[in-house]
Protein backbone atom coordinates (compact mmCIF):
# COMPACT_ATOMS: atom_id res chain seq x y z
CA MET A 1 95.21 94.56 83.33
CA ILE A 2 94.18 97.05 86.04
CA HIS A 3 93.02 96.73 89.60
CA THR A 4 92.47 100.12 91.22
CA PHE A 5 92.68 103.74 90.16
CA LYS A 6 92.10 107.18 91.64
CA MET A 7 90.47 110.14 89.94
CA TYR A 8 88.50 113.28 90.68
CA VAL A 9 86.19 115.72 88.96
CA PRO A 10 86.31 119.45 89.72
CA ILE A 11 83.00 120.72 91.08
CA HIS A 12 81.60 124.14 91.95
CA HIS A 13 80.98 125.12 95.57
CA SER A 14 77.27 125.35 94.80
CA GLU A 15 77.35 121.62 94.00
CA VAL A 16 78.85 120.95 97.42
CA GLN A 17 76.08 122.95 99.07
CA ASN A 18 73.49 121.06 97.05
CA ILE A 19 74.91 117.68 98.14
CA GLN A 20 74.83 118.76 101.77
CA ARG A 21 71.18 119.85 101.50
CA ARG A 22 70.00 116.79 99.52
CA PHE A 23 71.55 114.19 101.79
CA GLY A 24 71.53 116.08 105.09
CA ILE A 25 75.30 115.73 105.56
CA THR A 26 78.44 117.89 105.60
CA TYR A 27 80.96 117.61 102.81
CA ASN A 28 83.57 116.02 105.09
CA THR A 29 81.22 113.14 105.99
CA VAL A 30 80.51 112.15 102.37
CA SER A 31 82.86 109.14 102.60
CA GLU A 32 80.98 107.73 105.60
CA TYR A 33 77.55 108.42 104.09
CA PHE A 34 78.29 106.64 100.81
CA GLU A 35 80.45 103.87 102.28
CA GLY A 36 79.33 100.56 100.80
CA ALA A 37 76.77 102.19 98.48
CA TYR A 38 78.79 101.40 95.36
CA PRO A 39 80.86 98.18 95.23
CA GLY A 40 84.56 98.92 95.11
CA VAL A 41 84.14 102.71 95.13
CA SER A 42 85.15 105.14 97.88
CA ILE A 43 84.03 108.76 97.56
CA VAL A 44 85.21 111.92 99.25
CA ILE A 45 84.83 115.68 98.68
CA ILE A 46 88.11 117.58 98.91
CA ASN A 47 88.45 121.27 99.62
CA ALA A 48 91.75 122.05 97.88
CA GLY A 49 91.53 125.75 98.78
CA SER A 50 91.03 128.92 96.73
CA GLY A 51 87.58 127.74 95.66
CA ASP A 52 88.94 124.45 94.28
CA TRP A 53 86.49 121.68 95.18
CA ARG A 54 86.83 118.09 94.02
CA LEU A 55 84.63 115.02 94.03
CA SER A 56 87.25 112.28 94.40
CA PHE A 57 86.96 108.54 93.73
CA VAL A 58 89.08 105.52 94.62
CA VAL A 59 87.87 102.69 92.40
CA ASP A 60 88.45 98.95 92.60
CA ALA A 61 87.52 98.18 88.99
CA ILE A 62 87.24 94.45 89.65
CA LYS A 63 84.61 94.93 92.35
CA LEU A 64 82.76 97.66 90.48
CA LEU A 65 82.36 95.62 87.29
CA GLU A 66 82.28 92.25 89.08
CA LYS A 67 84.88 91.02 86.62
CA SER A 68 88.38 89.78 87.47
CA ASN A 69 90.06 90.51 84.14
CA ILE A 70 89.60 94.17 83.22
CA THR A 71 90.66 94.99 79.66
CA GLU A 72 90.63 97.94 77.28
CA ALA A 73 87.23 96.79 76.00
CA ASP A 74 85.73 97.40 79.46
CA TYR A 75 86.31 101.17 79.39
CA PRO A 76 82.79 102.07 78.14
CA MET A 77 81.25 100.07 80.99
CA LEU A 78 83.55 101.71 83.56
CA GLU A 79 82.63 105.14 82.22
CA GLN A 80 78.95 104.30 82.35
CA GLU A 81 79.17 103.09 85.96
CA LEU A 82 81.10 106.17 87.09
CA LYS A 83 78.70 108.51 85.32
CA GLU A 84 75.77 106.76 87.02
CA ILE A 85 77.40 107.27 90.43
CA MET A 86 77.99 110.96 89.66
CA PHE A 87 74.39 111.32 88.52
CA GLN A 88 73.12 109.88 91.80
CA ILE A 89 75.34 112.20 93.83
CA LEU A 90 75.28 115.39 91.75
CA GLY A 91 72.08 115.00 89.77
CA HIS A 92 74.09 115.00 86.51
CA SER A 93 77.29 113.50 85.06
CA ALA A 94 78.46 116.46 82.96
CA TYR A 95 81.71 116.77 84.92
CA TYR A 96 82.93 113.33 83.89
CA LYS A 97 84.56 114.70 80.73
CA GLU A 98 86.72 116.89 83.01
CA HIS A 99 87.90 114.01 85.19
CA ILE A 100 91.54 113.90 86.27
CA LEU A 101 93.32 110.57 86.81
CA THR A 102 95.73 110.70 89.79
CA ARG A 103 96.82 107.06 90.08
CA ILE A 104 96.42 103.75 88.26
CA ASP A 105 97.58 100.29 89.36
CA TYR A 106 98.27 97.81 86.58
CA ARG A 107 98.24 94.15 87.59
CA TYR A 108 99.45 90.83 86.27
CA ASP A 109 98.40 87.71 88.17
CA VAL A 110 100.13 84.34 88.00
CA VAL A 111 98.61 81.28 89.66
CA MET A 112 101.13 79.14 91.58
CA ALA A 113 99.25 76.32 93.29
CA ASN A 114 102.25 75.26 95.41
CA ALA A 115 102.37 77.55 98.46
CA ALA A 116 105.97 76.58 99.27
CA GLU A 117 107.06 77.66 95.79
CA ARG A 118 105.21 80.98 96.14
CA HIS A 119 107.14 81.71 99.32
CA LEU A 120 110.39 80.57 97.71
CA LEU A 121 109.75 82.98 94.85
CA ILE A 122 109.43 85.92 97.26
CA ALA A 123 112.64 84.81 98.98
CA LEU A 124 114.42 84.87 95.60
CA TYR A 125 112.99 88.30 94.76
CA ARG A 126 114.49 89.64 97.98
CA LYS A 127 117.88 89.15 96.31
CA LEU A 128 117.10 91.48 93.40
CA THR A 129 118.89 94.79 92.84
CA ARG A 130 118.60 97.35 95.63
CA SER A 131 117.83 100.14 93.18
CA HIS A 132 116.99 100.76 89.54
CA ARG A 133 116.74 104.25 88.08
CA HIS A 134 115.02 106.17 90.90
CA GLN A 135 113.33 103.10 92.38
CA LYS A 136 114.70 101.71 95.63
CA ARG A 137 114.00 98.24 96.99
CA TYR A 138 112.04 97.91 100.23
CA LEU A 139 111.87 94.66 102.18
CA GLY A 140 110.18 96.02 105.27
CA ILE A 141 109.54 99.15 107.27
CA ALA A 142 111.00 100.72 110.38
CA LYS A 143 109.48 103.80 111.96
CA LYS A 144 111.83 106.03 113.87
CA GLY A 145 112.83 104.41 117.13
CA GLU A 146 111.05 101.15 116.33
CA LYS A 147 112.27 97.69 115.35
CA PHE A 148 112.53 96.86 111.63
CA ASN A 149 109.50 94.87 110.49
CA ALA A 150 110.17 92.71 107.46
CA TYR A 151 107.55 92.22 104.76
CA GLU A 152 107.02 88.45 104.78
CA THR A 153 105.31 88.11 101.41
CA THR A 154 105.98 91.41 99.60
CA VAL A 155 108.88 92.99 97.72
CA TYR A 156 108.67 96.39 96.12
CA HIS A 157 110.83 98.94 94.36
CA SER A 158 109.54 102.46 94.81
CA SER A 159 110.16 106.03 93.75
CA LYS A 160 108.06 109.14 94.31
CA SER A 161 106.23 108.56 91.03
CA THR A 162 106.14 104.79 90.37
CA GLN A 163 106.22 101.47 92.20
CA ALA A 164 106.94 97.92 91.07
CA VAL A 165 105.38 95.56 93.62
CA VAL A 166 105.12 91.80 93.99
CA TYR A 167 103.09 90.10 96.70
CA LEU A 168 101.21 86.92 97.50
CA LYS A 169 97.49 87.66 97.29
CA ASP A 170 96.25 84.72 99.37
CA GLU A 171 98.62 85.55 102.19
CA GLU A 172 97.88 89.29 102.00
CA ARG A 173 94.15 88.60 102.38
CA GLU A 174 94.67 86.17 105.24
CA ALA A 175 96.87 88.69 107.09
CA LYS A 176 93.95 91.15 106.94
CA GLY A 177 91.46 88.51 108.06
CA ILE A 178 89.66 88.60 104.70
CA GLU A 179 88.59 85.54 102.73
CA PRO A 180 90.34 85.61 99.31
CA GLU A 181 88.11 85.96 96.28
CA GLU A 182 88.13 83.04 93.84
CA HIS A 183 90.37 84.92 91.39
CA GLU A 184 92.84 85.73 94.19
CA LYS A 185 93.54 82.18 95.34
CA ASN A 186 97.11 80.89 94.86
CA VAL A 187 97.99 84.13 93.06
CA VAL A 188 101.33 85.91 92.83
CA ARG A 189 100.37 89.49 91.98
CA TYR A 190 102.65 91.87 90.12
CA GLU A 191 101.64 95.53 90.19
CA ALA A 192 103.03 98.51 88.34
CA ARG A 193 101.67 101.49 90.26
CA VAL A 194 101.72 104.77 88.34
CA LEU A 195 101.41 107.68 90.75
CA ASN A 196 100.34 111.29 90.32
CA GLY A 197 103.86 112.67 89.85
CA HIS A 198 104.42 110.51 86.79
CA LEU A 199 100.95 111.24 85.42
CA ASN A 200 101.69 114.96 85.77
CA TYR A 201 104.99 114.55 83.94
CA MET A 202 103.40 112.58 81.11
CA SER A 203 100.68 115.20 80.65
CA LYS A 204 103.15 117.98 79.83
CA GLU A 205 103.07 119.14 76.24
CA THR A 206 106.88 119.11 76.19
CA THR A 207 106.90 115.37 76.95
CA GLN A 208 107.42 113.06 74.00
CA ASN A 209 104.14 111.27 73.29
CA ASN A 210 102.45 113.32 76.03
CA ARG A 211 99.43 111.60 77.53
CA PRO A 212 96.40 113.32 79.14
CA LYS A 213 95.47 112.45 82.70
CA LYS A 214 92.37 110.57 81.60
CA LEU A 215 91.32 107.03 82.40
CA TRP A 216 90.76 106.23 78.72
CA ALA A 217 94.34 107.22 77.91
CA TYR A 218 95.79 104.68 80.36
CA LEU A 219 93.28 101.85 80.07
CA LYS A 220 94.97 100.44 76.97
CA GLU A 221 96.70 97.12 76.47
CA ASP A 222 99.84 98.57 74.89
CA ILE A 223 100.22 101.13 77.71
CA PHE A 224 99.83 98.37 80.30
CA ILE A 225 102.58 96.31 78.62
CA GLU A 226 104.76 99.41 78.23
CA TYR A 227 104.69 100.19 81.96
CA PHE A 228 105.25 96.61 83.03
CA THR A 229 108.20 96.31 80.69
CA LYS A 230 109.69 99.60 81.84
CA TYR A 231 109.39 98.99 85.56
CA PHE A 232 109.74 95.21 85.83
CA SER A 233 111.93 93.80 83.05
CA SER A 234 115.17 95.41 84.26
CA ILE A 235 114.58 94.31 87.86
CA TYR A 236 112.86 90.92 87.51
CA HIS A 237 115.15 88.96 85.24
CA PRO A 238 113.97 86.24 82.84
CA CYS A 239 114.67 82.49 82.70
CA ASP A 240 114.14 79.63 85.14
CA PHE A 241 115.56 79.54 88.65
CA TYR A 242 118.10 76.83 89.51
CA LYS A 243 120.14 75.69 92.46
CA LEU A 244 123.77 76.63 92.01
CA ASP A 245 124.84 73.05 91.21
CA GLU A 246 122.25 72.86 88.42
CA SER A 247 123.37 76.20 86.97
CA ARG A 248 126.99 75.12 87.19
CA SER A 249 126.19 71.98 85.22
CA ILE A 250 124.40 73.97 82.47
CA ILE A 251 127.30 76.42 82.25
CA ARG A 252 129.92 73.65 82.15
CA GLN A 253 128.11 71.97 79.25
CA SER A 254 127.78 75.20 77.26
CA ALA A 255 129.96 76.32 74.35
CA LEU A 256 131.39 79.26 76.34
CA SER A 257 135.11 79.58 76.84
CA SER A 258 136.58 78.15 80.04
CA SER A 259 137.24 81.70 81.23
CA ASN A 260 133.64 82.83 80.71
CA LYS A 261 132.34 79.69 82.40
CA GLU A 262 134.32 80.43 85.54
CA LYS A 263 133.29 84.09 85.47
CA LEU A 264 129.59 83.15 85.31
CA ILE A 265 129.87 80.59 88.10
CA ASN A 266 131.67 83.08 90.34
CA PHE A 267 129.07 85.71 89.46
CA LEU A 268 126.25 83.39 90.56
CA LYS A 269 128.09 82.61 93.79
CA SER A 270 128.49 86.32 94.50
CA VAL A 271 124.76 87.01 93.89
CA SER A 272 123.83 84.01 96.04
CA SER A 273 125.87 85.36 98.95
CA PHE A 274 123.61 88.39 99.30
CA ASP A 275 121.91 90.01 96.30
CA LEU A 276 122.27 91.11 92.69
CA ASP A 277 124.27 94.19 93.66
CA THR A 278 126.95 92.24 95.53
CA PRO A 279 129.08 91.62 92.38
CA LEU A 280 129.40 95.40 91.97
CA LYS A 281 132.01 95.32 94.73
CA THR A 282 134.41 93.83 92.18
CA MET A 283 133.00 94.80 88.77
CA THR A 284 131.34 97.65 86.89
CA LYS A 285 127.65 97.80 86.01
CA SER A 286 128.52 97.22 82.34
CA THR A 287 130.38 94.03 83.27
CA ARG A 288 127.45 92.88 85.37
CA LYS A 289 125.19 93.56 82.40
CA ARG A 290 127.35 91.30 80.20
CA ARG A 291 127.18 88.52 82.79
CA LEU A 292 123.39 88.84 82.89
CA GLU A 293 123.18 88.67 79.10
CA LEU A 294 125.26 85.48 79.01
CA LEU A 295 123.09 83.88 81.69
CA LYS A 296 119.98 84.82 79.71
CA GLU A 297 121.43 83.11 76.62
CA LEU A 298 121.86 79.95 78.70
CA GLY A 299 118.34 80.21 80.17
CA ILE A 300 119.54 80.79 83.73
CA ASN A 301 118.08 83.33 86.13
CA PRO A 302 120.88 85.19 88.00
CA VAL A 303 119.29 84.49 91.40
CA SER A 304 119.97 80.93 92.54
CA ILE A 305 117.70 78.77 94.69
CA PRO A 306 119.48 78.45 98.07
CA LYS A 307 120.77 74.93 98.67
CA ASN A 308 119.60 75.04 102.30
CA TYR A 309 116.08 76.36 101.59
CA PRO A 310 113.57 73.88 103.11
CA ASN A 311 112.19 71.38 100.56
CA ALA A 312 113.27 73.58 97.65
CA PRO A 313 113.21 72.11 94.14
CA SER A 314 116.41 72.01 92.10
CA ALA A 315 114.71 74.15 89.45
CA MET A 316 111.61 76.34 89.24
CA LYS A 317 109.84 77.98 86.30
CA ASN A 318 109.91 81.75 86.12
CA PRO A 319 106.26 82.95 86.36
CA LEU A 320 107.05 86.11 84.37
CA ASP A 321 108.45 84.37 81.31
CA LYS A 322 105.02 84.25 79.66
CA PHE A 323 104.43 87.99 79.96
CA PRO A 324 104.32 89.72 76.51
CA TRP A 325 107.24 92.08 77.15
CA LYS A 326 107.55 95.08 74.84
CA MET A 327 110.87 95.25 73.03
CA ASN A 328 112.99 98.40 73.36
CA ALA A 329 110.80 99.87 76.11
CA LYS A 330 113.36 99.80 78.93
């Protein structure tokens, strides 16, 4: 359900002075002093100015609780662990009730034992739409004056307030020279990252169903499903992946009119030539939406498996089709 989150508690300057005296450190060396003291937790004191001091935490919930599948039922244990850390640092945990959540990363892991199919999946995801709402697709990074560096095993759509990310966990660990944990092996990880801007927006009283910036408000199964549906379902389309010849065969055998059959086949060819936005050169978004709906009815994903992809299967299951999508949440 979740992986990491960020939060802070406001503290008084006298608390900062007390920490410095007790541990013989300065406030800006707190992160180094407590590094490794608490599994999965990084701690820093932030001077936000005008007397605003914050004890800030970045928490890997999986490492902290030593549990790979964090659910809503684990909140009391997370709270207890965080309060214990605050007690050891501050001498009390009274500030916990004032904590402010600034980021939360929801995760959904799918095990794909075949490494070639994992890499094929990422290749197919690179053909998804270039933008959705305010989220833009990123396939790599290029700093000014430098060569473009492609992300080999990651695709993400990002805005200033949210990110929808897919990456191969095994390969990500290996690239960092880290041995994958048991629960990370052969995993395709999907993450819906909810950033501070969105949390701020949702906390406004004028927002429908406004939500406080508290961990307990976001560590809920229905909220997790809501965010995944909102930020993934319109980008990562349902149904199995097929080579174009296989899709053509399914379409030809369907009860669609001859005209609609040809339109769908040409649509798939257009997507296959570059990405899901390519057909927009010759059609409107509403027409593209109708094509996608027809393909969904036939059980065909709009992104075809390239015929020249090395050792590619003629068909591949969609790893997201088992996700419990929330209806009418797009």
